[in-house]
Amino acid sequence: MSIFENLCIAEAEEVQEFIELVAANIKRIRKEKGVSQLELALMIGQKSSAFYANAENSAKNRRFNLEHIYKIAKALDVDVTDFFVK
């Protein structure tokens, strides 16, 4: 058995579930704060809500990157760890 077998430690489905968890938490917190998708998109430097809406809904293979998550946390005045809670 080669040491290079089974190097992938996370299946694609598991990664997708994690991405969807983060997006769902962002959406929930955004709604709790009374902020629209467009408002938050503009606050994090997006020119429209299209990318933001797709990332928040895990659509069209769009997802938030670390910079987005950091800016969203600042905009919503929450700790970034709030987005990773199950």
PDB file of N, CA and C in Angstrom:
ATOM      1  N   MET A   1       0.850  -1.179   0.000  1.00  0.00           N
ATOM      2  CA  MET A   1       0.000   0.000   0.000  1.00  0.00           C
ATOM      3  C   MET A   1       0.892   1.238   0.000  1.00  0.00           C
ATOM      4  N   SER A   2       0.592   2.153  -0.896  1.00  0.00           N
ATOM      5  CA  SER A   2       1.356   3.386  -1.025  1.00  0.00           C
ATOM      6  C   SER A   2       0.914   4.403   0.027  1.00  0.00           C
ATOM      7  N   ILE A   3       1.853   5.205   0.488  1.00  0.00           N
ATOM      8  CA  ILE A   3       1.501   6.255   1.453  1.00  0.00           C
ATOM      9  C   ILE A   3       0.664   7.356   0.797  1.00  0.00           C
ATOM     10  N   PHE A   4       0.593   7.342  -0.539  1.00  0.00           N
ATOM     11  CA  PHE A   4      -0.146   8.375  -1.253  1.00  0.00           C
ATOM     12  C   PHE A   4      -1.584   7.983  -1.555  1.00  0.00           C
ATOM     13  N   GLU A   5      -1.981   6.787  -1.160  1.00  0.00           N
ATOM     14  CA  GLU A   5      -3.368   6.373  -1.341  1.00  0.00           C
ATOM     15  C   GLU A   5      -4.240   7.079  -0.310  1.00  0.00           C
ATOM     16  N   ASN A   6      -5.422   7.375  -0.696  1.00  0.00           N
ATOM     17  CA  ASN A   6      -6.409   7.993   0.200  1.00  0.00           C
ATOM     18  C   ASN A   6      -5.927   9.304   0.813  1.00  0.00           C
ATOM     19  N   LEU A   7      -5.281  10.134   0.012  1.00  0.00           N
ATOM     20  CA  LEU A   7      -4.805  11.419   0.526  1.00  0.00           C
ATOM     21  C   LEU A   7      -5.933  12.416   0.763  1.00  0.00           C
ATOM     22  N   CYS A   8      -7.001  12.271   0.029  1.00  0.00           N
ATOM     23  CA  CYS A   8      -8.131  13.185   0.199  1.00  0.00           C
ATOM     24  C   CYS A   8      -8.837  12.855   1.510  1.00  0.00           C
ATOM     25  N   ILE A   9      -8.860  13.810   2.404  1.00  0.00           N
ATOM     26  CA  ILE A   9      -9.431  13.546   3.733  1.00  0.00           C
ATOM     27  C   ILE A   9     -10.885  13.988   3.860  1.00  0.00           C
ATOM     28  N   ALA A  10     -11.417  14.618   2.805  1.00  0.00           N
ATOM     29  CA  ALA A  10     -12.811  15.059   2.847  1.00  0.00           C
ATOM     30  C   ALA A  10     -13.461  14.787   1.501  1.00  0.00           C
ATOM     31  N   GLU A  11     -14.562  14.088   1.541  1.00  0.00           N
ATOM     32  CA  GLU A  11     -15.314  13.798   0.320  1.00  0.00           C
ATOM     33  C   GLU A  11     -16.007  15.063  -0.169  1.00  0.00           C
ATOM     34  N   ALA A  12     -16.275  15.113  -1.457  1.00  0.00           N
ATOM     35  CA  ALA A  12     -16.910  16.278  -2.068  1.00  0.00           C
ATOM     36  C   ALA A  12     -18.249  16.600  -1.403  1.00  0.00           C
ATOM     37  N   GLU A  13     -19.009  15.583  -1.073  1.00  0.00           N
ATOM     38  CA  GLU A  13     -20.317  15.790  -0.428  1.00  0.00           C
ATOM     39  C   GLU A  13     -20.151  16.443   0.947  1.00  0.00           C
ATOM     40  N   GLU A  14     -19.150  16.014   1.683  1.00  0.00           N
ATOM     41  CA  GLU A  14     -18.880  16.581   3.009  1.00  0.00           C
ATOM     42  C   GLU A  14     -18.482  18.055   2.894  1.00  0.00           C
ATOM     43  N   VAL A  15     -17.663  18.369   1.909  1.00  0.00           N
ATOM     44  CA  VAL A  15     -17.241  19.754   1.692  1.00  0.00           C
ATOM     45  C   VAL A  15     -18.447  20.605   1.316  1.00  0.00           C
ATOM     46  N   GLN A  16     -19.313  20.087   0.437  1.00  0.00           N
ATOM     47  CA  GLN A  16     -20.501  20.828   0.032  1.00  0.00           C
ATOM     48  C   GLN A  16     -21.414  21.093   1.220  1.00  0.00           C
ATOM     49  N   GLU A  17     -21.569  20.121   2.100  1.00  0.00           N
ATOM     50  CA  GLU A  17     -22.383  20.306   3.305  1.00  0.00           C
ATOM     51  C   GLU A  17     -21.815  21.417   4.182  1.00  0.00           C
ATOM     52  N   PHE A  18     -20.489  21.475   4.301  1.00  0.00           N
ATOM     53  CA  PHE A  18     -19.844  22.524   5.086  1.00  0.00           C
ATOM     54  C   PHE A  18     -20.098  23.892   4.461  1.00  0.00           C
ATOM     55  N   ILE A  19     -19.949  23.998   3.145  1.00  0.00           N
ATOM     56  CA  ILE A  19     -20.190  25.258   2.433  1.00  0.00           C
ATOM     57  C   ILE A  19     -21.638  25.706   2.637  1.00  0.00           C
ATOM     58  N   GLU A  20     -22.562  24.764   2.562  1.00  0.00           N
ATOM     59  CA  GLU A  20     -23.976  25.084   2.744  1.00  0.00           C
ATOM     60  C   GLU A  20     -24.272  25.498   4.181  1.00  0.00           C
ATOM     61  N   LEU A  21     -23.597  24.905   5.151  1.00  0.00           N
ATOM     62  CA  LEU A  21     -23.758  25.298   6.558  1.00  0.00           C
ATOM     63  C   LEU A  21     -23.334  26.750   6.757  1.00  0.00           C
ATOM     64  N   VAL A  22     -22.171  27.094   6.243  1.00  0.00           N
ATOM     65  CA  VAL A  22     -21.670  28.467   6.380  1.00  0.00           C
ATOM     66  C   VAL A  22     -22.637  29.441   5.703  1.00  0.00           C
ATOM     67  N   ALA A  23     -23.062  29.129   4.489  1.00  0.00           N
ATOM     68  CA  ALA A  23     -23.974  30.010   3.763  1.00  0.00           C
ATOM     69  C   ALA A  23     -25.309  30.166   4.506  1.00  0.00           C
ATOM     70  N   ALA A  24     -25.827  29.065   5.047  1.00  0.00           N
ATOM     71  CA  ALA A  24     -27.091  29.121   5.791  1.00  0.00           C
ATOM     72  C   ALA A  24     -26.960  29.970   7.046  1.00  0.00           C
ATOM     73  N   ASN A  25     -25.831  29.859   7.734  1.00  0.00           N
ATOM     74  CA  ASN A  25     -25.615  30.677   8.929  1.00  0.00           C
ATOM     75  C   ASN A  25     -25.484  32.150   8.579  1.00  0.00           C
ATOM     76  N   ILE A  26     -24.799  32.441   7.494  1.00  0.00           N
ATOM     77  CA  ILE A  26     -24.693  33.833   7.048  1.00  0.00           C
ATOM     78  C   ILE A  26     -26.077  34.376   6.732  1.00  0.00           C
ATOM     79  N   LYS A  27     -26.874  33.603   6.012  1.00  0.00           N
ATOM     80  CA  LYS A  27     -28.227  34.033   5.641  1.00  0.00           C
ATOM     81  C   LYS A  27     -29.090  34.275   6.884  1.00  0.00           C
ATOM     82  N   ARG A  28     -29.031  33.334   7.831  1.00  0.00           N
ATOM     83  CA  ARG A  28     -29.832  33.456   9.056  1.00  0.00           C
ATOM     84  C   ARG A  28     -29.447  34.714   9.835  1.00  0.00           C
ATOM     85  N   ILE A  29     -28.164  34.923  10.008  1.00  0.00           N
ATOM     86  CA  ILE A  29     -27.698  36.085  10.776  1.00  0.00           C
ATOM     87  C   ILE A  29     -28.027  37.376  10.040  1.00  0.00           C
ATOM     88  N   ARG A  30     -27.867  37.384   8.726  1.00  0.00           N
ATOM     89  CA  ARG A  30     -28.201  38.583   7.933  1.00  0.00           C
ATOM     90  C   ARG A  30     -29.673  38.948   8.137  1.00  0.00           C
ATOM     91  N   LYS A  31     -30.533  37.935   8.071  1.00  0.00           N
ATOM     92  CA  LYS A  31     -31.973  38.184   8.251  1.00  0.00           C
ATOM     93  C   LYS A  31     -32.276  38.659   9.672  1.00  0.00           C
ATOM     94  N   GLU A  32     -31.618  38.039  10.671  1.00  0.00           N
ATOM     95  CA  GLU A  32     -31.810  38.457  12.065  1.00  0.00           C
ATOM     96  C   GLU A  32     -31.426  39.916  12.256  1.00  0.00           C
ATOM     97  N   LYS A  33     -30.422  40.375  11.525  1.00  0.00           N
ATOM     98  CA  LYS A  33     -29.948  41.761  11.631  1.00  0.00           C
ATOM     99  C   LYS A  33     -30.775  42.717  10.773  1.00  0.00           C
ATOM    100  N   GLY A  34     -31.692  42.180   9.960  1.00  0.00           N
ATOM    101  CA  GLY A  34     -32.550  43.021   9.132  1.00  0.00           C
ATOM    102  C   GLY A  34     -31.827  43.668   7.957  1.00  0.00           C
ATOM    103  N   VAL A  35     -30.839  42.979   7.411  1.00  0.00           N
ATOM    104  CA  VAL A  35     -30.049  43.505   6.303  1.00  0.00           C
ATOM    105  C   VAL A  35     -30.437  42.750   5.038  1.00  0.00           C
ATOM    106  N   SER A  36     -30.653  43.473   3.953  1.00  0.00           N
ATOM    107  CA  SER A  36     -31.000  42.813   2.695  1.00  0.00           C
ATOM    108  C   SER A  36     -29.759  42.245   2.017  1.00  0.00           C
ATOM    109  N   GLN A  37     -29.977  41.351   1.070  1.00  0.00           N
ATOM    110  CA  GLN A  37     -28.852  40.802   0.309  1.00  0.00           C
ATOM    111  C   GLN A  37     -28.116  41.913  -0.426  1.00  0.00           C
ATOM    112  N   LEU A  38     -28.844  42.831  -1.025  1.00  0.00           N
ATOM    113  CA  LEU A  38     -28.208  43.923  -1.763  1.00  0.00           C
ATOM    114  C   LEU A  38     -27.383  44.799  -0.833  1.00  0.00           C
ATOM    115  N   GLU A  39     -27.942  45.154   0.318  1.00  0.00           N
ATOM    116  CA  GLU A  39     -27.191  45.983   1.273  1.00  0.00           C
ATOM    117  C   GLU A  39     -25.883  45.310   1.680  1.00  0.00           C
ATOM    118  N   LEU A  40     -25.966  44.024   2.011  1.00  0.00           N
ATOM    119  CA  LEU A  40     -24.763  43.325   2.453  1.00  0.00           C
ATOM    120  C   LEU A  40     -23.780  43.147   1.303  1.00  0.00           C
ATOM    121  N   ALA A  41     -24.289  42.860   0.120  1.00  0.00           N
ATOM    122  CA  ALA A  41     -23.416  42.726  -1.048  1.00  0.00           C
ATOM    123  C   ALA A  41     -22.621  44.009  -1.262  1.00  0.00           C
ATOM    124  N   LEU A  42     -23.297  45.136  -1.198  1.00  0.00           N
ATOM    125  CA  LEU A  42     -22.617  46.424  -1.390  1.00  0.00           C
ATOM    126  C   LEU A  42     -21.622  46.692  -0.262  1.00  0.00           C
ATOM    127  N   MET A  43     -21.968  46.296   0.958  1.00  0.00           N
ATOM    128  CA  MET A  43     -21.084  46.514   2.104  1.00  0.00           C
ATOM    129  C   MET A  43     -19.778  45.723   1.989  1.00  0.00           C
ATOM    130  N   ILE A  44     -19.823  44.578   1.285  1.00  0.00           N
ATOM    131  CA  ILE A  44     -18.601  43.778   1.156  1.00  0.00           C
ATOM    132  C   ILE A  44     -17.892  44.014  -0.171  1.00  0.00           C
ATOM    133  N   GLY A  45     -18.364  45.015  -0.917  1.00  0.00           N
ATOM    134  CA  GLY A  45     -17.657  45.402  -2.127  1.00  0.00           C
ATOM    135  C   GLY A  45     -18.160  44.802  -3.422  1.00  0.00           C
ATOM    136  N   GLN A  46     -19.313  44.154  -3.386  1.00  0.00           N
ATOM    137  CA  GLN A  46     -19.907  43.632  -4.615  1.00  0.00           C
ATOM    138  C   GLN A  46     -20.729  44.743  -5.263  1.00  0.00           C
ATOM    139  N   LYS A  47     -20.772  44.748  -6.578  1.00  0.00           N
ATOM    140  CA  LYS A  47     -21.489  45.812  -7.289  1.00  0.00           C
ATOM    141  C   LYS A  47     -22.986  45.542  -7.407  1.00  0.00           C
ATOM    142  N   SER A  48     -23.386  44.304  -7.173  1.00  0.00           N
ATOM    143  CA  SER A  48     -24.802  43.947  -7.203  1.00  0.00           C
ATOM    144  C   SER A  48     -25.021  42.774  -6.253  1.00  0.00           C
ATOM    145  N   SER A  49     -26.255  42.345  -6.143  1.00  0.00           N
ATOM    146  CA  SER A  49     -26.546  41.238  -5.238  1.00  0.00           C
ATOM    147  C   SER A  49     -26.453  39.880  -5.922  1.00  0.00           C
ATOM    148  N   ALA A  50     -26.191  39.830  -7.223  1.00  0.00           N
ATOM    149  CA  ALA A  50     -26.207  38.559  -7.967  1.00  0.00           C
ATOM    150  C   ALA A  50     -25.227  37.540  -7.399  1.00  0.00           C
ATOM    151  N   PHE A  51     -23.949  37.889  -7.311  1.00  0.00           N
ATOM    152  CA  PHE A  51     -22.972  36.949  -6.754  1.00  0.00           C
ATOM    153  C   PHE A  51     -23.346  36.596  -5.323  1.00  0.00           C
ATOM    154  N   TYR A  52     -23.661  37.616  -4.539  1.00  0.00           N
ATOM    155  CA  TYR A  52     -23.965  37.399  -3.131  1.00  0.00           C
ATOM    156  C   TYR A  52     -25.132  36.415  -2.977  1.00  0.00           C
ATOM    157  N   ALA A  53     -26.212  36.645  -3.710  1.00  0.00           N
ATOM    158  CA  ALA A  53     -27.393  35.781  -3.606  1.00  0.00           C
ATOM    159  C   ALA A  53     -27.057  34.345  -3.988  1.00  0.00           C
ATOM    160  N   ASN A  54     -26.283  34.164  -5.039  1.00  0.00           N
ATOM    161  CA  ASN A  54     -25.897  32.811  -5.454  1.00  0.00           C
ATOM    162  C   ASN A  54     -25.018  32.140  -4.404  1.00  0.00           C
ATOM    163  N   ALA A  55     -24.088  32.871  -3.820  1.00  0.00           N
ATOM    164  CA  ALA A  55     -23.216  32.298  -2.787  1.00  0.00           C
ATOM    165  C   ALA A  55     -24.026  31.949  -1.537  1.00  0.00           C
ATOM    166  N   GLU A  56     -24.916  32.827  -1.149  1.00  0.00           N
ATOM    167  CA  GLU A  56     -25.719  32.591   0.049  1.00  0.00           C
ATOM    168  C   GLU A  56     -26.638  31.387  -0.123  1.00  0.00           C
ATOM    169  N   ASN A  57     -27.079  31.151  -1.346  1.00  0.00           N
ATOM    170  CA  ASN A  57     -27.992  30.034  -1.617  1.00  0.00           C
ATOM    171  C   ASN A  57     -27.282  28.826  -2.228  1.00  0.00           C
ATOM    172  N   SER A  58     -25.959  28.842  -2.243  1.00  0.00           N
ATOM    173  CA  SER A  58     -25.147  27.756  -2.808  1.00  0.00           C
ATOM    174  C   SER A  58     -25.601  27.402  -4.218  1.00  0.00           C
ATOM    175  N   ALA A  59     -25.832  28.417  -5.018  1.00  0.00           N
ATOM    176  CA  ALA A  59     -26.305  28.231  -6.392  1.00  0.00           C
ATOM    177  C   ALA A  59     -25.196  28.563  -7.385  1.00  0.00           C
ATOM    178  N   LYS A  60     -25.299  27.989  -8.555  1.00  0.00           N
ATOM    179  CA  LYS A  60     -24.382  28.271  -9.667  1.00  0.00           C
ATOM    180  C   LYS A  60     -22.913  28.114  -9.275  1.00  0.00           C
ATOM    181  N   ASN A  61     -22.653  27.201  -8.357  1.00  0.00           N
ATOM    182  CA  ASN A  61     -21.289  26.911  -7.910  1.00  0.00           C
ATOM    183  C   ASN A  61     -20.558  28.146  -7.360  1.00  0.00           C
ATOM    184  N   ARG A  62     -21.320  29.084  -6.817  1.00  0.00           N
ATOM    185  CA  ARG A  62     -20.728  30.269  -6.194  1.00  0.00           C
ATOM    186  C   ARG A  62     -20.587  30.008  -4.704  1.00  0.00           C
ATOM    187  N   ARG A  63     -19.515  30.539  -4.128  1.00  0.00           N
ATOM    188  CA  ARG A  63     -19.309  30.378  -2.688  1.00  0.00           C
ATOM    189  C   ARG A  63     -18.511  31.548  -2.147  1.00  0.00           C
ATOM    190  N   PHE A  64     -18.684  31.776  -0.864  1.00  0.00           N
ATOM    191  CA  PHE A  64     -17.943  32.833  -0.198  1.00  0.00           C
ATOM    192  C   PHE A  64     -16.505  32.387   0.012  1.00  0.00           C
ATOM    193  N   ASN A  65     -15.561  33.314  -0.163  1.00  0.00           N
ATOM    194  CA  ASN A  65     -14.169  33.010   0.182  1.00  0.00           C
ATOM    195  C   ASN A  65     -13.872  33.622   1.549  1.00  0.00           C
ATOM    196  N   LEU A  66     -12.665  33.472   2.012  1.00  0.00           N
ATOM    197  CA  LEU A  66     -12.318  33.977   3.349  1.00  0.00           C
ATOM    198  C   LEU A  66     -12.460  35.485   3.458  1.00  0.00           C
ATOM    199  N   GLU A  67     -12.107  36.199   2.405  1.00  0.00           N
ATOM    200  CA  GLU A  67     -12.252  37.658   2.430  1.00  0.00           C
ATOM    201  C   GLU A  67     -13.714  38.048   2.560  1.00  0.00           C
ATOM    202  N   HIS A  68     -14.582  37.381   1.808  1.00  0.00           N
ATOM    203  CA  HIS A  68     -16.018  37.654   1.919  1.00  0.00           C
ATOM    204  C   HIS A  68     -16.502  37.403   3.344  1.00  0.00           C
ATOM    205  N   ILE A  69     -16.126  36.253   3.896  1.00  0.00           N
ATOM    206  CA  ILE A  69     -16.583  35.883   5.235  1.00  0.00           C
ATOM    207  C   ILE A  69     -16.110  36.893   6.273  1.00  0.00           C
ATOM    208  N   TYR A  70     -14.877  37.335   6.155  1.00  0.00           N
ATOM    209  CA  TYR A  70     -14.351  38.338   7.080  1.00  0.00           C
ATOM    210  C   TYR A  70     -15.151  39.642   6.978  1.00  0.00           C
ATOM    211  N   LYS A  71     -15.387  40.102   5.744  1.00  0.00           N
ATOM    212  CA  LYS A  71     -16.121  41.350   5.537  1.00  0.00           C
ATOM    213  C   LYS A  71     -17.574  41.229   5.989  1.00  0.00           C
ATOM    214  N   ILE A  72     -18.186  40.086   5.737  1.00  0.00           N
ATOM    215  CA  ILE A  72     -19.574  39.871   6.162  1.00  0.00           C
ATOM    216  C   ILE A  72     -19.661  39.915   7.683  1.00  0.00           C
ATOM    217  N   ALA A  73     -18.726  39.278   8.360  1.00  0.00           N
ATOM    218  CA  ALA A  73     -18.717  39.298   9.824  1.00  0.00           C
ATOM    219  C   ALA A  73     -18.594  40.722  10.342  1.00  0.00           C
ATOM    220  N   LYS A  74     -17.713  41.509   9.749  1.00  0.00           N
ATOM    221  CA  LYS A  74     -17.570  42.908  10.170  1.00  0.00           C
ATOM    222  C   LYS A  74     -18.845  43.695   9.893  1.00  0.00           C
ATOM    223  N   ALA A  75     -19.428  43.488   8.720  1.00  0.00           N
ATOM    224  CA  ALA A  75     -20.634  44.220   8.345  1.00  0.00           C
ATOM    225  C   ALA A  75     -21.805  43.890   9.261  1.00  0.00           C
ATOM    226  N   LEU A  76     -21.898  42.630   9.664  1.00  0.00           N
ATOM    227  CA  LEU A  76     -23.001  42.203  10.528  1.00  0.00           C
ATOM    228  C   LEU A  76     -22.659  42.305  12.010  1.00  0.00           C
ATOM    229  N   ASP A  77     -21.428  42.720  12.306  1.00  0.00           N
ATOM    230  CA  ASP A  77     -20.954  42.891  13.678  1.00  0.00           C
ATOM    231  C   ASP A  77     -21.087  41.594  14.483  1.00  0.00           C
ATOM    232  N   VAL A  78     -20.554  40.510  13.897  1.00  0.00           N
ATOM    233  CA  VAL A  78     -20.522  39.215  14.571  1.00  0.00           C
ATOM    234  C   VAL A  78     -19.108  38.644  14.450  1.00  0.00           C
ATOM    235  N   ASP A  79     -18.830  37.651  15.246  1.00  0.00           N
ATOM    236  CA  ASP A  79     -17.554  36.954  15.163  1.00  0.00           C
ATOM    237  C   ASP A  79     -17.630  35.953  14.002  1.00  0.00           C
ATOM    238  N   VAL A  80     -16.568  35.818  13.251  1.00  0.00           N
ATOM    239  CA  VAL A  80     -16.587  34.901  12.103  1.00  0.00           C
ATOM    240  C   VAL A  80     -16.921  33.473  12.528  1.00  0.00           C
ATOM    241  N   THR A  81     -16.597  33.115  13.758  1.00  0.00           N
ATOM    242  CA  THR A  81     -16.893  31.754  14.205  1.00  0.00           C
ATOM    243  C   THR A  81     -18.389  31.455  14.237  1.00  0.00           C
ATOM    244  N   ASP A  82     -19.217  32.500  14.299  1.00  0.00           N
ATOM    245  CA  ASP A  82     -20.664  32.311  14.297  1.00  0.00           C
ATOM    246  C   ASP A  82     -21.141  31.638  13.014  1.00  0.00           C
ATOM    247  N   PHE A  83     -20.387  31.770  11.941  1.00  0.00           N
ATOM    248  CA  PHE A  83     -20.782  31.200  10.658  1.00  0.00           C
ATOM    249  C   PHE A  83     -20.482  29.710  10.568  1.00  0.00           C
ATOM    250  N   PHE A  84     -19.713  29.178  11.506  1.00  0.00           N
ATOM    251  CA  PHE A  84     -19.274  27.787  11.422  1.00  0.00           C
ATOM    252  C   PHE A  84     -19.956  26.878  12.429  1.00  0.00           C
ATOM    253  N   VAL A  85     -20.956  27.384  13.125  1.00  0.00           N
ATOM    254  CA  VAL A  85     -21.643  26.621  14.172  1.00  0.00           C
ATOM    255  C   VAL A  85     -22.767  25.780  13.567  1.00  0.00           C
ATOM    256  N   LYS A  86     -22.804  24.512  13.984  1.00  0.00           N
ATOM    257  CA  LYS A  86     -23.883  23.622  13.511  1.00  0.00           C
ATOM    258  C   LYS A  86     -25.135  23.845  14.305  1.00  0.00           C
TER     259      LYS A  86
END
